[in-house]
Protein backbone atom coordinates (compact mmCIF):
# COMPACT_ATOMS: atom_id res chain seq x y z
CA MET A 1 141.46 140.26 98.40
CA LYS A 2 142.38 141.43 94.90
CA TYR A 3 144.37 138.22 94.33
CA ALA A 4 141.31 136.15 95.27
CA LEU A 5 139.17 138.12 92.82
CA ALA A 6 141.77 137.63 90.09
CA LEU A 7 141.83 133.89 90.77
CA LEU A 8 138.03 133.70 90.53
CA PHE A 9 138.14 135.52 87.20
CA ILE A 10 140.75 133.12 85.82
CA VAL A 11 138.74 130.08 86.97
CA ALA A 12 135.53 131.45 85.41
CA LEU A 13 137.32 132.18 82.14
CA THR A 14 138.88 128.71 82.08
CA CYS A 15 135.50 127.03 82.67
CA GLN A 16 133.99 129.01 79.80
CA VAL A 17 136.75 127.92 77.44
CA LEU A 18 136.57 124.28 78.49
CA ARG A 19 132.79 124.06 78.17
CA ALA A 20 131.88 121.80 75.27
CA ASP A 21 128.68 120.11 74.16
CA THR A 22 128.97 117.23 71.70
CA ILE A 23 126.71 116.16 68.83
CA LEU A 24 127.34 112.72 67.36
CA LEU A 25 125.81 112.40 63.89
CA ARG A 26 124.55 109.13 62.42
CA ASP A 27 127.35 109.18 59.83
CA GLY A 28 129.93 109.17 62.63
CA GLN A 29 130.83 112.87 62.41
CA GLU A 30 131.28 114.62 65.75
CA LEU A 31 130.55 118.30 66.39
CA LYS A 32 131.95 119.97 69.51
CA GLY A 33 131.03 123.42 70.77
CA VAL A 34 128.15 125.07 72.60
CA ILE A 35 124.55 124.35 71.62
CA VAL A 36 122.96 127.78 71.30
CA GLU A 37 119.52 126.90 69.91
CA ASP A 38 117.32 123.81 70.23
CA TYR A 39 114.35 123.78 67.83
CA HIS A 40 111.54 121.36 67.09
CA ASP A 41 113.49 119.52 64.38
CA ARG A 42 117.08 120.78 64.60
CA VAL A 43 119.76 122.21 66.87
CA VAL A 44 122.38 124.90 66.25
CA ILE A 45 125.84 124.44 67.72
CA SER A 46 128.47 127.17 67.90
CA THR A 47 131.90 125.74 67.03
CA GLU A 48 135.32 127.22 66.37
CA LYS A 49 134.36 127.11 62.66
CA GLY A 50 131.14 129.04 63.24
CA GLU A 51 127.51 128.06 63.85
CA ILE A 52 126.38 124.74 62.38
CA GLY A 53 122.79 123.49 62.13
CA ALA A 54 122.08 119.77 62.54
CA ALA A 55 118.74 118.13 61.76
CA LYS A 56 117.55 115.98 64.66
CA ASN A 57 116.78 113.03 62.38
CA ASN A 58 120.50 112.98 61.50
CA ILE A 59 121.66 113.05 65.12
CA ASP A 60 122.55 109.85 66.95
CA LYS A 61 123.31 111.39 70.35
CA ILE A 62 123.70 114.76 72.08
CA SER A 63 125.86 115.11 75.19
CA TYR A 64 125.57 118.37 77.11
CA ASP A 65 128.39 119.81 79.16
CA SER A 66 126.55 119.82 82.49
CA ALA A 67 124.53 117.13 84.25
CA ASP A 68 121.52 119.38 84.88
CA GLU A 69 121.31 120.32 81.18
CA ASN A 70 121.44 116.63 80.23
CA LEU A 71 118.54 115.88 82.58
CA VAL A 72 116.48 118.80 81.24
CA LYS A 73 116.95 117.61 77.68
CA LEU A 74 115.95 114.09 78.67
CA GLY A 75 112.84 115.57 80.28
CA ALA A 76 112.03 117.44 77.06
CA PHE A 77 112.62 114.30 74.99
CA TYR A 78 110.18 112.18 77.00
CA LYS A 79 107.67 115.04 77.21
CA ASP A 80 107.60 115.21 73.41
CA ARG A 81 107.08 111.43 73.31
CA GLY A 82 104.13 111.73 75.70
CA ASP A 83 105.80 109.89 78.59
CA TYR A 84 104.99 112.59 81.14
CA LYS A 85 105.87 110.59 84.26
CA LEU A 86 109.40 109.92 83.05
CA ALA A 87 109.74 113.51 81.83
CA LEU A 88 108.73 114.79 85.26
CA HIS A 89 111.31 112.51 86.87
CA TYR A 90 114.13 114.01 84.79
CA TYR A 91 112.99 117.61 85.30
CA GLU A 92 112.81 117.10 89.07
CA SER A 93 116.23 115.43 89.04
CA ALA A 94 117.65 118.50 87.28
CA ARG A 95 116.06 120.77 89.90
CA LYS A 96 117.77 118.82 92.69
CA ILE A 97 121.14 119.55 91.07
CA ASN A 98 120.34 123.16 90.20
CA PRO A 99 117.22 124.60 91.92
CA ASP A 100 117.65 127.88 90.01
CA LEU A 101 117.59 126.28 86.55
CA LYS A 102 114.70 128.02 84.77
CA GLU A 103 114.20 125.29 82.13
CA ALA A 104 113.85 122.63 84.84
CA ARG A 105 111.31 124.63 86.87
CA GLU A 106 109.15 125.52 83.89
CA GLY A 107 109.43 122.03 82.38
CA SER A 108 108.32 120.44 85.65
CA LEU A 109 105.33 122.78 85.94
CA LEU A 110 104.32 122.28 82.30
CA VAL A 111 104.51 118.48 82.45
CA THR A 112 102.49 118.39 85.68
CA ASN A 113 99.79 120.47 84.01
CA MET A 114 99.89 118.30 80.89
CA MET A 115 99.41 115.14 83.00
CA MET A 116 96.33 116.63 84.63
CA ASN A 117 95.00 117.91 81.30
CA LYS A 118 95.53 114.54 79.60
CA LYS A 119 93.20 112.85 82.06
CA GLU A 120 90.44 115.32 81.20
CA ALA A 121 91.15 115.00 77.47
CA ASP A 122 90.91 111.20 77.64
CA VAL A 123 87.48 111.44 79.29
CA ALA A 124 86.27 113.98 76.70
CA ARG A 125 87.52 111.79 73.85
CA ASP A 126 85.70 108.76 75.20
CA ILE A 127 82.46 110.75 75.40
CA ALA A 128 82.93 112.06 71.85
CA MET A 129 83.50 108.54 70.52
CA ARG A 130 80.28 107.33 72.14
CA GLN A 131 78.38 110.20 70.55
CA ASP A 132 79.78 109.53 67.11
CA THR A 133 77.24 108.22 64.66
CA GLU A 134 77.25 104.62 63.51
CA GLU A 135 77.91 105.80 59.99
CA ASN A 136 81.22 107.45 60.86
CA MET A 137 82.30 105.13 63.67
CA GLY A 138 85.60 103.52 62.84
CA ARG A 139 85.94 105.23 59.47
CA PRO A 140 89.50 106.67 59.33
CA GLN A 141 89.97 110.25 58.20
CA PRO A 142 92.81 111.21 55.86
CA ALA A 143 95.88 112.54 57.69
CA GLU A 144 95.62 115.90 55.92
CA GLN A 145 92.03 116.36 57.06
CA LEU A 146 92.95 115.46 60.64
CA GLU A 147 95.72 118.07 60.54
CA ILE A 148 93.35 120.73 59.16
CA ASN A 149 90.78 119.90 61.84
CA ALA A 150 93.43 120.13 64.59
CA VAL A 151 94.60 123.55 63.35
CA ARG A 152 91.05 124.90 63.11
CA LYS A 153 90.16 123.62 66.56
CA GLY A 154 93.37 125.07 68.04
CA ALA A 155 92.80 128.44 66.36
CA ASP A 156 89.24 128.69 67.69
CA GLU A 157 90.26 127.70 71.22
CA LEU A 158 93.24 130.08 71.32
CA TRP A 159 91.11 133.01 70.11
CA SER A 160 88.46 132.24 72.69
CA ALA A 161 90.88 131.67 75.58
CA ALA A 162 93.54 134.32 74.91
CA GLY A 163 92.28 136.66 72.19
CA ILE A 164 95.02 136.04 69.64
CA SER A 165 95.30 134.39 66.26
CA ILE A 166 98.65 133.16 64.96
CA GLU A 167 100.03 132.27 61.54
CA LYS A 168 103.18 130.91 59.95
CA ALA A 169 105.59 133.47 58.49
CA GLY A 170 108.19 131.32 56.79
CA SER A 171 109.77 129.26 59.55
CA ASP A 172 108.52 131.64 62.27
CA VAL A 173 105.16 131.92 64.02
CA GLU A 174 103.68 135.42 64.17
CA VAL A 175 100.77 137.03 65.95
CA ALA A 176 98.22 137.88 63.24
CA LYS A 177 95.46 139.52 65.33
CA VAL A 178 94.99 140.57 68.95
CA MET A 179 91.55 141.16 70.42
CA ASN A 180 91.29 144.47 72.25
CA LYS A 181 91.33 144.10 76.06
CA SER A 182 91.90 140.35 75.73
CA PRO A 183 94.40 138.43 77.93
CA ALA A 184 96.96 138.58 75.11
CA TYR A 185 96.49 142.35 74.71
CA GLU A 186 96.78 142.95 78.45
CA ALA A 187 99.98 140.86 78.52
CA GLY A 188 101.50 143.13 75.87
CA MET A 189 101.16 141.06 72.68
CA ARG A 190 100.65 142.99 69.45
CA PRO A 191 100.13 142.07 65.78
CA ARG A 192 103.35 141.15 63.95
CA ASP A 193 105.09 140.04 67.14
CA THR A 194 107.09 136.87 66.55
CA ILE A 195 106.54 134.12 69.11
CA VAL A 196 109.99 132.81 70.02
CA SER A 197 109.16 130.25 72.70
CA ILE A 198 106.36 128.93 74.90
CA TRP A 199 107.34 127.61 78.32
CA GLY A 200 110.97 127.96 77.22
CA LYS A 201 110.53 125.70 74.15
CA LEU A 202 111.64 127.30 70.89
CA ILE A 203 108.85 127.05 68.30
CA LYS A 204 110.60 128.12 65.12
CA TYR A 205 110.04 125.45 62.40
CA MET A 206 107.27 123.90 64.53
CA PRO A 207 103.93 122.98 62.88
CA LEU A 208 101.01 125.16 63.96
CA GLU A 209 99.07 122.31 65.58
CA ASN A 210 102.04 121.69 67.91
CA VAL A 211 102.16 125.40 68.79
CA TYR A 212 98.47 125.32 69.70
CA ASP A 213 99.16 122.31 71.93
CA LEU A 214 101.81 124.29 73.84
CA PHE A 215 99.43 127.21 74.30
CA LEU A 216 96.44 125.11 75.35
CA SER A 217 97.77 121.92 76.98
CA SER A 218 98.41 123.47 80.40
CA LYS A 219 95.56 123.03 82.89
CA VAL A 220 96.45 126.27 84.67
CA SER A 221 95.66 129.55 82.93
CA GLU A 222 99.23 130.89 83.17
CA ILE A 223 101.34 130.69 80.00
CA ARG A 224 104.90 131.98 79.78
CA VAL A 225 105.80 133.26 76.33
CA THR A 226 108.84 134.94 74.79
CA ILE A 227 108.09 137.33 71.94
CA ALA A 228 110.36 139.17 69.51
CA ARG A 229 109.60 142.62 68.18
CA GLU A 230 111.30 145.28 66.06
CA GLU A 231 111.63 148.72 67.63
CA SER A 232 113.19 151.97 66.43
CA ALA A 233 114.96 154.39 68.76
CA ALA A 234 116.16 157.89 67.90
CA PRO A 235 119.38 158.50 69.91
CA ARG A 236 120.14 161.97 71.19
CA GLY A 237 123.27 163.88 70.38
CA LYS A 238 126.30 163.03 72.45
CA PHE A 239 126.61 165.02 75.67
CA LEU A 240 129.86 166.78 76.46
CA PHE A 241 130.65 164.48 79.40
CA GLY A 242 128.23 161.69 78.50
CA GLY A 243 128.54 158.39 76.72
CA ALA A 244 126.42 155.78 74.98
CA GLU A 245 124.10 155.35 77.97
CA ASP A 246 123.18 159.04 77.82
CA ILE A 247 122.61 158.84 74.06
CA ILE A 248 120.05 156.03 74.36
CA GLY A 249 118.77 156.82 77.85
CA ALA A 250 119.37 153.30 79.13
CA ARG A 251 121.94 151.04 80.74
CA LEU A 252 122.77 147.62 79.29
CA SER A 253 124.47 144.54 80.67
CA MET A 254 125.68 141.25 79.24
CA GLU A 255 123.73 138.49 80.98
CA LEU A 256 123.63 134.73 80.47
CA ASP A 257 120.67 135.11 78.09
CA GLY A 258 122.36 137.87 76.08
CA LEU A 259 122.53 141.66 75.84
CA THR A 260 119.95 142.86 78.38
CA VAL A 261 118.42 146.24 79.20
CA SER A 262 119.10 146.71 82.92
CA GLU A 263 117.73 150.27 83.26
CA VAL A 264 115.49 152.57 81.17
CA ARG A 265 115.44 156.29 81.94
CA THR A 266 112.10 158.08 81.82
CA ALA A 267 111.49 160.11 78.63
CA GLY A 268 114.72 158.83 77.06
CA PRO A 269 115.01 157.37 73.53
CA PHE A 270 114.58 153.76 74.69
CA ASP A 271 111.60 154.73 76.85
CA ASP A 272 110.00 156.59 73.91
CA ALA A 273 110.52 153.49 71.73
CA GLY A 274 108.67 151.28 74.23
CA ILE A 275 111.74 149.28 75.26
CA LEU A 276 111.46 147.94 78.80
CA LYS A 277 113.81 146.87 81.57
CA ASP A 278 114.85 143.19 81.15
CA ASP A 279 114.23 143.24 77.37
CA ARG A 280 116.99 141.42 75.47
CA ILE A 281 118.47 143.10 72.40
CA THR A 282 119.17 140.43 69.81
CA LYS A 283 119.94 142.63 66.78
CA ILE A 284 121.07 146.20 66.16
CA ASN A 285 120.69 147.49 62.59
CA ALA A 286 120.37 143.84 61.42
CA ALA A 287 123.65 142.82 63.14
CA SER A 288 123.34 139.99 65.67
CA THR A 289 124.45 140.76 69.23
CA ARG A 290 124.99 137.10 70.18
CA TYR A 291 128.79 137.37 70.21
CA MET A 292 129.02 141.16 70.43
CA PRO A 293 130.93 142.51 73.46
CA LEU A 294 129.09 145.20 75.39
CA GLU A 295 131.84 147.70 74.56
CA SER A 296 131.28 147.09 70.83
CA PHE A 297 127.57 147.78 71.20
CA TYR A 298 128.25 151.07 72.99
CA LYS A 299 130.83 151.99 70.33
CA MET A 300 128.22 151.45 67.58
CA ILE A 301 125.82 153.76 69.41
CA GLU A 302 128.45 156.48 69.81
CA ASP A 303 129.41 156.24 66.12
CA ILE A 304 125.86 156.30 64.76
CA LYS A 305 125.69 160.11 65.03
CA GLY A 306 121.98 160.78 65.30
CA LYS A 307 120.71 158.07 62.96
CA THR A 308 117.79 155.90 64.01
CA LEU A 309 118.64 152.60 65.68
CA LYS A 310 116.67 149.60 64.44
CA LEU A 311 116.58 147.03 67.22
CA GLU A 312 115.16 143.53 67.53
CA ILE A 313 114.21 142.85 71.12
CA GLN A 314 112.96 139.76 72.93
CA ARG A 315 110.61 140.04 75.88
CA GLU A 316 109.27 137.46 78.31
CA ILE A 317 105.59 137.90 79.12
CA THR A 318 103.03 136.01 81.20
CA LEU A 319 99.70 135.41 79.55
CA TRP A 320 96.65 134.47 81.62
CA ARG A 321 94.06 132.55 79.59
CA LYS A 322 90.36 132.80 80.29
């Protein structure tokens, strides 16, 4: 039995090493590694030389290591182009290969909702055009004014439907205000939270009008959002026979999505800080945990000797619009 387990470990390790995504740039340069982030206008690939960002307008082709990931990215590509039928085809094809693939499930649900919502939007637009006055009919508006109008409309609708207002904070999108007892408040959103993704799509660098579309385009009221938040935890002194888990009052594990809180003990430092089970810890005292072994994280906690831990956590929430 132990030999079989050892063989499985070796196979898993070999597969991890051999995994390689490929980015072919328009100038002929080829980047090989693992794509770790996929934004609105760029991707980040982790290579043996470190992480490299590549603007999408400079990319000729991206090849992902696995077939299901390729199909999901094709689905996302055609969704962004507005070809929802073809996007749904690729998402469903990915689900046939890997029924447990989260991006495929959520992409399929989102595109289905967007197809239904588009039909209603087309009808509403036709009615609005008929009601337009003869004076303004056919008169084009400047692109800047159209963008301002879209942002204002999205802001009003999001406040009414969810009880939040959002704003740009550099390249990020932050929650500016949360209405008390609103759907956003009940879901756990708070001012200064950073919105990381909506329906699994990273929104960093994304224009606000596109963010509003992601929030409001689904016909169903359910919206799945990932937020990031800074928390501070005051570790306890080290117990005689205890370790890092006793110091923070929590158990951690290294999952596919990153360093994850797998257990929080009642009245412990993590519990007092508001950290929840299934939260992902992305930074500790400004240091990224992306490539940090679990043992290194525990060692940092044991060496901190009573100082406050500053953590950046990511949390998946479900928001139910009105």
